[in-house]
Amino acid sequence: MSIIDGLELDRLSQQKTVNISSKLNFFISKIKKGKKEKTNSLSKKIIYILDDSITNLNLTKTYLREILNFENVETFLLPDILFKRIIERKPDLIICDIEMGRYQVDGFFVKKIVEEKYKIPVLLFTAHSPYKIHDFYSHLNLKEFDIYYKPIKEDIYTKISLLLEKI
């Protein structure tokens, strides 16, 4: 996918974002009622999210910011833009969707490059069942805390904190 295609995709995604903003606000207000305050040194960590779905990006970013109180969260629709941003400002953690059908790379490729070249932990994010992931990717020697299964819930904080504490 070229950058121009990515910009068009981004424009279309922004239109979709307007349509889901009311749903997102409803989601936030419901969850905030039962919100637990999480303010500590982790809240200042820089987290990047890579996904080919603008809806998933917005939901994840909003959850991390509004519910779990992470202050520095950025989202990326395109892997090449993510890699450029890593060079400009190195994050503490990257959350990456496993299957990004629009691109020629998947989350495993991104994880391999980012962890080997930049020494940044990557949390893989998927809507697939643990059984499917294990069956198809058992050869990759993934650890239990390397993958988070959607939908996003408060237990993601535990996975994030485990990965951030390893730094």
Foldseek 3Di string as FASTA:
>chain_A
DDVVVVVVLVVVLVVVCVVCVVVLVVVLVVLVVVADAADDPQLAFAEEEEALHSVLQVNVVCCCCRRVNRDHYYYDNDPVVVVVVCVVPNGQEYEYEADHPVDPHGPVVVQVCCCVPVVHQYAYEYQDDPVVCCVVPVVVVDDPLNYDHDDDDPCVVVSVVVRSVVD
